């Protein structure tokens, strides 16, 4: 794939940016280099290589979900500008 002026102008439009003329040539060259790297990767023989989602085995470290006592309502509401019936009072956002 070749990144030409028309392609670059289309990309500018989609990204909603407007480059100066000097910036355009620099951006075009950098994008072309990136595309060339992908072309090199596409040329590699990957037969027999299993697809993977992570370079290293991902293991989630989680704790058991168990109920624990909460903080006292008075302590939680101590910095609330307004409160009512042990709840924070906030401005209405939906009518």
PDB file of N, CA and C in Angstrom:
ATOM      1  N   UNK A   1       0.861  -1.173   0.000  1.00  0.00           N
ATOM      2  CA  UNK A   1       0.000   0.000   0.000  1.00  0.00           C
ATOM      3  C   UNK A   1       0.904   1.231   0.000  1.00  0.00           C
ATOM      4  N   UNK A   2       0.495   2.207  -0.777  1.00  0.00           N
ATOM      5  CA  UNK A   2       1.257   3.442  -0.850  1.00  0.00           C
ATOM      6  C   UNK A   2       0.449   4.570  -0.220  1.00  0.00           C
ATOM      7  N   UNK A   3       1.092   5.318   0.643  1.00  0.00           N
ATOM      8  CA  UNK A   3       0.454   6.484   1.246  1.00  0.00           C
ATOM      9  C   UNK A   3       0.772   7.685   0.357  1.00  0.00           C
ATOM     10  N   UNK A   4      -0.211   8.101  -0.423  1.00  0.00           N
ATOM     11  CA  UNK A   4      -0.005   9.265  -1.276  1.00  0.00           C
ATOM     12  C   UNK A   4      -0.744  10.466  -0.695  1.00  0.00           C
ATOM     13  N   UNK A   5      -0.692  11.573  -1.378  1.00  0.00           N
ATOM     14  CA  UNK A   5      -1.298  12.812  -0.883  1.00  0.00           C
ATOM     15  C   UNK A   5      -2.804  12.657  -0.675  1.00  0.00           C
ATOM     16  N   UNK A   6      -3.478  12.001  -1.616  1.00  0.00           N
ATOM     17  CA  UNK A   6      -4.930  11.823  -1.498  1.00  0.00           C
ATOM     18  C   UNK A   6      -5.282  10.995  -0.261  1.00  0.00           C
ATOM     19  N   UNK A   7      -4.501   9.928  -0.013  1.00  0.00           N
ATOM     20  CA  UNK A   7      -4.736   9.085   1.162  1.00  0.00           C
ATOM     21  C   UNK A   7      -4.514   9.900   2.437  1.00  0.00           C
ATOM     22  N   UNK A   8      -3.453  10.697   2.434  1.00  0.00           N
ATOM     23  CA  UNK A   8      -3.147  11.507   3.609  1.00  0.00           C
ATOM     24  C   UNK A   8      -4.250  12.531   3.859  1.00  0.00           C
ATOM     25  N   UNK A   9      -4.768  13.159   2.813  1.00  0.00           N
ATOM     26  CA  UNK A   9      -5.855  14.123   2.979  1.00  0.00           C
ATOM     27  C   UNK A   9      -7.114  13.444   3.506  1.00  0.00           C
ATOM     28  N   UNK A  10      -7.356  12.227   3.045  1.00  0.00           N
ATOM     29  CA  UNK A  10      -8.507  11.460   3.543  1.00  0.00           C
ATOM     30  C   UNK A  10      -8.322  11.143   5.035  1.00  0.00           C
ATOM     31  N   UNK A  11      -7.109  10.732   5.419  1.00  0.00           N
ATOM     32  CA  UNK A  11      -6.835  10.448   6.828  1.00  0.00           C
ATOM     33  C   UNK A  11      -6.972  11.698   7.688  1.00  0.00           C
ATOM     34  N   UNK A  12      -6.515  12.838   7.161  1.00  0.00           N
ATOM     35  CA  UNK A  12      -6.674  14.106   7.889  1.00  0.00           C
ATOM     36  C   UNK A  12      -8.146  14.383   8.140  1.00  0.00           C
ATOM     37  N   UNK A  13      -8.953  14.186   7.113  1.00  0.00           N
ATOM     38  CA  UNK A  13     -10.385  14.452   7.234  1.00  0.00           C
ATOM     39  C   UNK A  13     -11.025  13.540   8.277  1.00  0.00           C
ATOM     40  N   UNK A  14     -10.674  12.252   8.232  1.00  0.00           N
ATOM     41  CA  UNK A  14     -11.264  11.313   9.184  1.00  0.00           C
ATOM     42  C   UNK A  14     -10.818  11.612  10.607  1.00  0.00           C
ATOM     43  N   UNK A  15      -9.578  12.055  10.785  1.00  0.00           N
ATOM     44  CA  UNK A  15      -9.066  12.369  12.114  1.00  0.00           C
ATOM     45  C   UNK A  15      -9.460  13.776  12.551  1.00  0.00           C
ATOM     46  N   UNK A  16     -10.064  14.506  11.637  1.00  0.00           N
ATOM     47  CA  UNK A  16     -10.483  15.891  11.903  1.00  0.00           C
ATOM     48  C   UNK A  16      -9.316  16.756  12.363  1.00  0.00           C
ATOM     49  N   UNK A  17      -8.218  16.628  11.613  1.00  0.00           N
ATOM     50  CA  UNK A  17      -7.053  17.480  11.832  1.00  0.00           C
ATOM     51  C   UNK A  17      -6.671  18.100  10.497  1.00  0.00           C
ATOM     52  N   UNK A  18      -5.981  19.203  10.564  1.00  0.00           N
ATOM     53  CA  UNK A  18      -5.491  19.834   9.344  1.00  0.00           C
ATOM     54  C   UNK A  18      -4.009  20.114   9.532  1.00  0.00           C
ATOM     55  N   UNK A  19      -3.207  19.447   8.718  1.00  0.00           N
ATOM     56  CA  UNK A  19      -1.766  19.598   8.805  1.00  0.00           C
ATOM     57  C   UNK A  19      -1.295  20.707   7.877  1.00  0.00           C
ATOM     58  N   UNK A  20      -0.193  21.332   8.265  1.00  0.00           N
ATOM     59  CA  UNK A  20       0.441  22.293   7.375  1.00  0.00           C
ATOM     60  C   UNK A  20       1.163  21.501   6.294  1.00  0.00           C
ATOM     61  N   UNK A  21       1.480  22.157   5.190  1.00  0.00           N
ATOM     62  CA  UNK A  21       2.088  21.467   4.057  1.00  0.00           C
ATOM     63  C   UNK A  21       3.389  20.768   4.455  1.00  0.00           C
ATOM     64  N   UNK A  22       4.218  21.423   5.255  1.00  0.00           N
ATOM     65  CA  UNK A  22       5.477  20.816   5.688  1.00  0.00           C
ATOM     66  C   UNK A  22       5.220  19.594   6.580  1.00  0.00           C
ATOM     67  N   UNK A  23       4.193  19.652   7.395  1.00  0.00           N
ATOM     68  CA  UNK A  23       3.852  18.535   8.271  1.00  0.00           C
ATOM     69  C   UNK A  23       3.308  17.356   7.473  1.00  0.00           C
ATOM     70  N   UNK A  24       2.635  17.662   6.370  1.00  0.00           N
ATOM     71  CA  UNK A  24       2.041  16.595   5.548  1.00  0.00           C
ATOM     72  C   UNK A  24       3.108  15.650   5.014  1.00  0.00           C
ATOM     73  N   UNK A  25       4.181  16.200   4.476  1.00  0.00           N
ATOM     74  CA  UNK A  25       5.217  15.334   3.906  1.00  0.00           C
ATOM     75  C   UNK A  25       5.860  14.485   4.993  1.00  0.00           C
ATOM     76  N   UNK A  26       6.103  15.054   6.152  1.00  0.00           N
ATOM     77  CA  UNK A  26       6.677  14.305   7.267  1.00  0.00           C
ATOM     78  C   UNK A  26       5.711  13.198   7.710  1.00  0.00           C
ATOM     79  N   UNK A  27       4.426  13.524   7.848  1.00  0.00           N
ATOM     80  CA  UNK A  27       3.424  12.542   8.258  1.00  0.00           C
ATOM     81  C   UNK A  27       3.291  11.443   7.211  1.00  0.00           C
ATOM     82  N   UNK A  28       3.320  11.820   5.924  1.00  0.00           N
ATOM     83  CA  UNK A  28       3.212  10.834   4.851  1.00  0.00           C
ATOM     84  C   UNK A  28       4.376   9.851   4.911  1.00  0.00           C
ATOM     85  N   UNK A  29       5.586  10.374   5.114  1.00  0.00           N
ATOM     86  CA  UNK A  29       6.772   9.516   5.168  1.00  0.00           C
ATOM     87  C   UNK A  29       6.712   8.586   6.375  1.00  0.00           C
ATOM     88  N   UNK A  30       6.293   9.087   7.523  1.00  0.00           N
ATOM     89  CA  UNK A  30       6.202   8.250   8.721  1.00  0.00           C
ATOM     90  C   UNK A  30       5.138   7.169   8.565  1.00  0.00           C
ATOM     91  N   UNK A  31       3.995   7.534   7.997  1.00  0.00           N
ATOM     92  CA  UNK A  31       2.950   6.535   7.769  1.00  0.00           C
ATOM     93  C   UNK A  31       3.410   5.487   6.768  1.00  0.00           C
ATOM     94  N   UNK A  32       4.126   5.914   5.732  1.00  0.00           N
ATOM     95  CA  UNK A  32       4.625   4.972   4.739  1.00  0.00           C
ATOM     96  C   UNK A  32       5.610   3.998   5.368  1.00  0.00           C
ATOM     97  N   UNK A  33       6.465   4.493   6.266  1.00  0.00           N
ATOM     98  CA  UNK A  33       7.401   3.606   6.975  1.00  0.00           C
ATOM     99  C   UNK A  33       6.649   2.572   7.803  1.00  0.00           C
ATOM    100  N   UNK A  34       5.584   2.990   8.476  1.00  0.00           N
ATOM    101  CA  UNK A  34       4.784   2.064   9.287  1.00  0.00           C
ATOM    102  C   UNK A  34       4.138   1.005   8.400  1.00  0.00           C
ATOM    103  N   UNK A  35       3.580   1.429   7.272  1.00  0.00           N
ATOM    104  CA  UNK A  35       2.943   0.478   6.353  1.00  0.00           C
ATOM    105  C   UNK A  35       3.979  -0.500   5.817  1.00  0.00           C
ATOM    106  N   UNK A  36       5.176  -0.011   5.514  1.00  0.00           N
ATOM    107  CA  UNK A  36       6.236  -0.897   5.017  1.00  0.00           C
ATOM    108  C   UNK A  36       6.608  -1.951   6.058  1.00  0.00           C
ATOM    109  N   UNK A  37       6.631  -1.573   7.329  1.00  0.00           N
ATOM    110  CA  UNK A  37       6.920  -2.544   8.381  1.00  0.00           C
ATOM    111  C   UNK A  37       5.849  -3.626   8.444  1.00  0.00           C
ATOM    112  N   UNK A  38       4.593  -3.236   8.289  1.00  0.00           N
ATOM    113  CA  UNK A  38       3.515  -4.228   8.289  1.00  0.00           C
ATOM    114  C   UNK A  38       3.628  -5.144   7.074  1.00  0.00           C
ATOM    115  N   UNK A  39       4.055  -4.591   5.933  1.00  0.00           N
ATOM    116  CA  UNK A  39       4.250  -5.424   4.743  1.00  0.00           C
ATOM    117  C   UNK A  39       5.346  -6.456   4.986  1.00  0.00           C
ATOM    118  N   UNK A  40       6.421  -6.059   5.690  1.00  0.00           N
ATOM    119  CA  UNK A  40       7.480  -7.008   6.028  1.00  0.00           C
ATOM    120  C   UNK A  40       6.950  -8.117   6.939  1.00  0.00           C
ATOM    121  N   UNK A  41       6.140  -7.752   7.914  1.00  0.00           N
ATOM    122  CA  UNK A  41       5.564  -8.756   8.808  1.00  0.00           C
ATOM    123  C   UNK A  41       4.641  -9.702   8.051  1.00  0.00           C
ATOM    124  N   UNK A  42       3.871  -9.166   7.108  1.00  0.00           N
ATOM    125  CA  UNK A  42       2.944  -9.996   6.338  1.00  0.00           C
ATOM    126  C   UNK A  42       3.697 -10.998   5.470  1.00  0.00           C
ATOM    127  N   UNK A  43       4.930 -10.690   5.104  1.00  0.00           N
ATOM    128  CA  UNK A  43       5.708 -11.574   4.241  1.00  0.00           C
ATOM    129  C   UNK A  43       6.310 -12.754   5.015  1.00  0.00           C
ATOM    130  N   UNK A  44       6.301 -12.721   6.324  1.00  0.00           N
ATOM    131  CA  UNK A  44       6.882 -13.799   7.119  1.00  0.00           C
ATOM    132  C   UNK A  44       6.051 -15.070   7.016  1.00  0.00           C
ATOM    133  N   UNK A  45       6.732 -16.205   7.021  1.00  0.00           N
ATOM    134  CA  UNK A  45       6.062 -17.498   6.989  1.00  0.00           C
ATOM    135  C   UNK A  45       5.630 -17.847   8.414  1.00  0.00           C
ATOM    136  N   UNK A  46       4.347 -17.855   8.665  1.00  0.00           N
ATOM    137  CA  UNK A  46       3.836 -18.127  10.007  1.00  0.00           C
ATOM    138  C   UNK A  46       3.105 -19.465  10.074  1.00  0.00           C
ATOM    139  N   UNK A  47       3.315 -20.325   9.062  1.00  0.00           N
ATOM    140  CA  UNK A  47       2.673 -21.644   9.117  1.00  0.00           C
ATOM    141  C   UNK A  47       3.192 -22.407  10.329  1.00  0.00           C
ATOM    142  N   UNK A  48       2.302 -23.002  11.062  1.00  0.00           N
ATOM    143  CA  UNK A  48       2.681 -23.768  12.231  1.00  0.00           C
ATOM    144  C   UNK A  48       2.822 -22.938  13.501  1.00  0.00           C
ATOM    145  N   UNK A  49       2.616 -21.643  13.401  1.00  0.00           N
ATOM    146  CA  UNK A  49       2.700 -20.784  14.578  1.00  0.00           C
ATOM    147  C   UNK A  49       1.288 -20.573  15.107  1.00  0.00           C
ATOM    148  N   UNK A  50       1.071 -20.980  16.359  1.00  0.00           N
ATOM    149  CA  UNK A  50      -0.269 -20.827  16.925  1.00  0.00           C
ATOM    150  C   UNK A  50      -0.559 -19.369  17.245  1.00  0.00           C
ATOM    151  N   UNK A  51      -1.756 -18.891  16.902  1.00  0.00           N
ATOM    152  CA  UNK A  51      -2.126 -17.522  17.282  1.00  0.00           C
ATOM    153  C   UNK A  51      -2.181 -17.402  18.800  1.00  0.00           C
ATOM    154  N   UNK A  52      -1.849 -16.237  19.307  1.00  0.00           N
ATOM    155  CA  UNK A  52      -1.905 -16.028  20.749  1.00  0.00           C
ATOM    156  C   UNK A  52      -2.471 -14.651  21.045  1.00  0.00           C
ATOM    157  N   UNK A  53      -3.002 -14.509  22.236  1.00  0.00           N
ATOM    158  CA  UNK A  53      -3.558 -13.220  22.634  1.00  0.00           C
ATOM    159  C   UNK A  53      -2.602 -12.436  23.512  1.00  0.00           C
ATOM    160  N   UNK A  54      -1.645 -13.135  24.143  1.00  0.00           N
ATOM    161  CA  UNK A  54      -0.667 -12.482  25.007  1.00  0.00           C
ATOM    162  C   UNK A  54       0.717 -13.076  24.736  1.00  0.00           C
ATOM    163  N   UNK A  55       1.731 -12.240  24.856  1.00  0.00           N
ATOM    164  CA  UNK A  55       3.088 -12.736  24.670  1.00  0.00           C
ATOM    165  C   UNK A  55       3.496 -13.653  25.823  1.00  0.00           C
ATOM    166  N   UNK A  56       2.945 -13.419  26.993  1.00  0.00           N
ATOM    167  CA  UNK A  56       3.216 -14.231  28.165  1.00  0.00           C
ATOM    168  C   UNK A  56       1.894 -14.734  28.706  1.00  0.00           C
ATOM    169  N   UNK A  57       1.944 -15.862  29.393  1.00  0.00           N
ATOM    170  CA  UNK A  57       0.714 -16.399  29.965  1.00  0.00           C
ATOM    171  C   UNK A  57       0.150 -15.409  30.981  1.00  0.00           C
ATOM    172  N   UNK A  58      -1.077 -15.021  30.768  1.00  0.00           N
ATOM    173  CA  UNK A  58      -1.724 -14.054  31.661  1.00  0.00           C
ATOM    174  C   UNK A  58      -2.511 -14.807  32.723  1.00  0.00           C
ATOM    175  N   UNK A  59      -2.232 -14.473  33.965  1.00  0.00           N
ATOM    176  CA  UNK A  59      -2.936 -15.093  35.081  1.00  0.00           C
ATOM    177  C   UNK A  59      -3.489 -13.974  35.947  1.00  0.00           C
ATOM    178  N   UNK A  60      -4.774 -14.004  36.171  1.00  0.00           N
ATOM    179  CA  UNK A  60      -5.389 -13.005  37.043  1.00  0.00           C
ATOM    180  C   UNK A  60      -5.261 -13.441  38.497  1.00  0.00           C
ATOM    181  N   UNK A  61      -4.811 -12.529  39.303  1.00  0.00           N
ATOM    182  CA  UNK A  61      -4.704 -12.800  40.730  1.00  0.00           C
ATOM    183  C   UNK A  61      -5.891 -12.108  41.389  1.00  0.00           C
ATOM    184  N   UNK A  62      -6.797 -12.900  41.866  1.00  0.00           N
ATOM    185  CA  UNK A  62      -7.997 -12.331  42.483  1.00  0.00           C
ATOM    186  C   UNK A  62      -8.176 -12.945  43.863  1.00  0.00           C
ATOM    187  N   UNK A  63      -8.911 -12.262  44.658  1.00  0.00           N
ATOM    188  CA  UNK A  63      -9.201 -12.771  45.986  1.00  0.00           C
ATOM    189  C   UNK A  63     -10.628 -13.299  45.993  1.00  0.00           C
ATOM    190  N   UNK A  64     -10.931 -14.072  46.985  1.00  0.00           N
ATOM    191  CA  UNK A  64     -12.290 -14.571  47.144  1.00  0.00           C
ATOM    192  C   UNK A  64     -13.229 -13.401  47.418  1.00  0.00           C
ATOM    193  N   UNK A  65     -14.418 -13.470  46.861  1.00  0.00           N
ATOM    194  CA  UNK A  65     -15.420 -12.438  47.092  1.00  0.00           C
ATOM    195  C   UNK A  65     -16.146 -12.770  48.394  1.00  0.00           C
ATOM    196  N   UNK A  66     -15.900 -11.963  49.391  1.00  0.00           N
ATOM    197  CA  UNK A  66     -16.550 -12.218  50.676  1.00  0.00           C
ATOM    198  C   UNK A  66     -17.026 -10.898  51.276  1.00  0.00           C
ATOM    199  N   UNK A  67     -18.123 -10.966  51.970  1.00  0.00           N
ATOM    200  CA  UNK A  67     -18.696  -9.781  52.603  1.00  0.00           C
ATOM    201  C   UNK A  67     -17.846  -9.379  53.800  1.00  0.00           C
ATOM    202  N   UNK A  68     -17.582  -8.087  53.884  1.00  0.00           N
ATOM    203  CA  UNK A  68     -16.831  -7.565  55.025  1.00  0.00           C
ATOM    204  C   UNK A  68     -17.599  -6.370  55.573  1.00  0.00           C
ATOM    205  N   UNK A  69     -17.413  -6.052  56.823  1.00  0.00           N
ATOM    206  CA  UNK A  69     -18.137  -4.914  57.394  1.00  0.00           C
ATOM    207  C   UNK A  69     -17.750  -3.608  56.690  1.00  0.00           C
ATOM    208  N   UNK A  70     -18.732  -2.749  56.517  1.00  0.00           N
ATOM    209  CA  UNK A  70     -18.514  -1.454  55.890  1.00  0.00           C
ATOM    210  C   UNK A  70     -18.112  -0.438  56.956  1.00  0.00           C
ATOM    211  N   UNK A  71     -17.729   0.731  56.497  1.00  0.00           N
ATOM    212  CA  UNK A  71     -17.427   1.812  57.442  1.00  0.00           C
ATOM    213  C   UNK A  71     -18.739   2.330  58.030  1.00  0.00           C
ATOM    214  N   UNK A  72     -18.645   2.982  59.141  1.00  0.00           N
ATOM    215  CA  UNK A  72     -19.831   3.532  59.789  1.00  0.00           C
ATOM    216  C   UNK A  72     -20.408   4.663  58.930  1.00  0.00           C
ATOM    217  N   UNK A  73     -21.733   4.688  58.749  1.00  0.00           N
ATOM    218  CA  UNK A  73     -22.355   5.731  57.930  1.00  0.00           C
ATOM    219  C   UNK A  73     -21.968   7.140  58.375  1.00  0.00           C
ATOM    220  N   UNK A  74     -21.867   7.372  59.663  1.00  0.00           N
ATOM    221  CA  UNK A  74     -21.512   8.709  60.147  1.00  0.00           C
ATOM    222  C   UNK A  74     -20.124   9.112  59.659  1.00  0.00           C
ATOM    223  N   UNK A  75     -19.193   8.170  59.612  1.00  0.00           N
ATOM    224  CA  UNK A  75     -17.846   8.445  59.140  1.00  0.00           C
ATOM    225  C   UNK A  75     -17.834   8.711  57.633  1.00  0.00           C
ATOM    226  N   UNK A  76     -18.593   7.916  56.894  1.00  0.00           N
ATOM    227  CA  UNK A  76     -18.665   8.096  55.441  1.00  0.00           C
ATOM    228  C   UNK A  76     -19.309   9.429  55.065  1.00  0.00           C
ATOM    229  N   UNK A  77     -20.327   9.836  55.828  1.00  0.00           N
ATOM    230  CA  UNK A  77     -21.068  11.052  55.500  1.00  0.00           C
ATOM    231  C   UNK A  77     -20.467  12.300  56.142  1.00  0.00           C
ATOM    232  N   UNK A  78     -19.381  12.160  56.862  1.00  0.00           N
ATOM    233  CA  UNK A  78     -18.801  13.293  57.594  1.00  0.00           C
ATOM    234  C   UNK A  78     -18.417  14.449  56.675  1.00  0.00           C
ATOM    235  N   UNK A  79     -17.987  14.165  55.453  1.00  0.00           N
ATOM    236  CA  UNK A  79     -17.564  15.242  54.556  1.00  0.00           C
ATOM    237  C   UNK A  79     -18.622  15.574  53.499  1.00  0.00           C
ATOM    238  N   UNK A  80     -19.793  14.990  53.612  1.00  0.00           N
ATOM    239  CA  UNK A  80     -20.855  15.260  52.633  1.00  0.00           C
ATOM    240  C   UNK A  80     -21.416  16.662  52.829  1.00  0.00           C
ATOM    241  N   UNK A  81     -21.502  17.461  51.764  1.00  0.00           N
ATOM    242  CA  UNK A  81     -22.058  18.804  51.902  1.00  0.00           C
ATOM    243  C   UNK A  81     -23.517  18.766  52.361  1.00  0.00           C
ATOM    244  N   UNK A  82     -24.257  17.760  51.839  1.00  0.00           N
ATOM    245  CA  UNK A  82     -25.658  17.606  52.243  1.00  0.00           C
ATOM    246  C   UNK A  82     -25.951  16.119  52.397  1.00  0.00           C
ATOM    247  N   UNK A  83     -26.769  15.799  53.391  1.00  0.00           N
ATOM    248  CA  UNK A  83     -27.143  14.406  53.605  1.00  0.00           C
ATOM    249  C   UNK A  83     -28.558  14.337  54.151  1.00  0.00           C
ATOM    250  N   UNK A  84     -29.173  13.201  53.938  1.00  0.00           N
ATOM    251  CA  UNK A  84     -30.532  12.998  54.444  1.00  0.00           C
ATOM    252  C   UNK A  84     -30.738  11.497  54.614  1.00  0.00           C
ATOM    253  N   UNK A  85     -31.230  11.085  55.756  1.00  0.00           N
ATOM    254  CA  UNK A  85     -31.519   9.677  56.037  1.00  0.00           C
ATOM    255  C   UNK A  85     -30.325   8.763  55.753  1.00  0.00           C
ATOM    256  N   UNK A  86     -29.143   9.154  56.222  1.00  0.00           N
ATOM    257  CA  UNK A  86     -27.923   8.375  56.022  1.00  0.00           C
ATOM    258  C   UNK A  86     -27.554   8.173  54.545  1.00  0.00           C
ATOM    259  N   UNK A  87     -27.909   9.147  53.709  1.00  0.00           N
ATOM    260  CA  UNK A  87     -27.570   9.093  52.288  1.00  0.00           C
ATOM    261  C   UNK A  87     -26.982  10.426  51.852  1.00  0.00           C
ATOM    262  N   UNK A  88     -26.146  10.387  50.818  1.00  0.00           N
ATOM    263  CA  UNK A  88     -25.647  11.618  50.224  1.00  0.00           C
ATOM    264  C   UNK A  88     -26.786  12.277  49.458  1.00  0.00           C
ATOM    265  N   UNK A  89     -26.931  13.567  49.578  1.00  0.00           N
ATOM    266  CA  UNK A  89     -27.905  14.299  48.754  1.00  0.00           C
ATOM    267  C   UNK A  89     -27.139  14.920  47.595  1.00  0.00           C
ATOM    268  N   UNK A  90     -27.630  14.680  46.379  1.00  0.00           N
ATOM    269  CA  UNK A  90     -26.982  15.224  45.182  1.00  0.00           C
ATOM    270  C   UNK A  90     -28.024  15.934  44.349  1.00  0.00           C
ATOM    271  N   UNK A  91     -27.551  16.751  43.408  1.00  0.00           N
ATOM    272  CA  UNK A  91     -28.467  17.468  42.530  1.00  0.00           C
ATOM    273  C   UNK A  91     -29.168  16.478  41.591  1.00  0.00           C
ATOM    274  N   UNK A  92     -30.403  16.789  41.289  1.00  0.00           N
ATOM    275  CA  UNK A  92     -31.164  15.977  40.356  1.00  0.00           C
ATOM    276  C   UNK A  92     -30.530  16.115  38.979  1.00  0.00           C
ATOM    277  N   UNK A  93     -30.288  14.994  38.318  1.00  0.00           N
ATOM    278  CA  UNK A  93     -29.693  15.037  36.986  1.00  0.00           C
ATOM    279  C   UNK A  93     -30.666  14.636  35.894  1.00  0.00           C
ATOM    280  N   UNK A  94     -31.751  13.969  36.280  1.00  0.00           N
ATOM    281  CA  UNK A  94     -32.751  13.533  35.310  1.00  0.00           C
ATOM    282  C   UNK A  94     -34.113  13.966  35.817  1.00  0.00           C
ATOM    283  N   UNK A  95     -34.915  14.524  34.930  1.00  0.00           N
ATOM    284  CA  UNK A  95     -36.282  14.922  35.305  1.00  0.00           C
ATOM    285  C   UNK A  95     -37.231  13.779  35.139  1.00  0.00           C
TER     286      UNK A  95
END
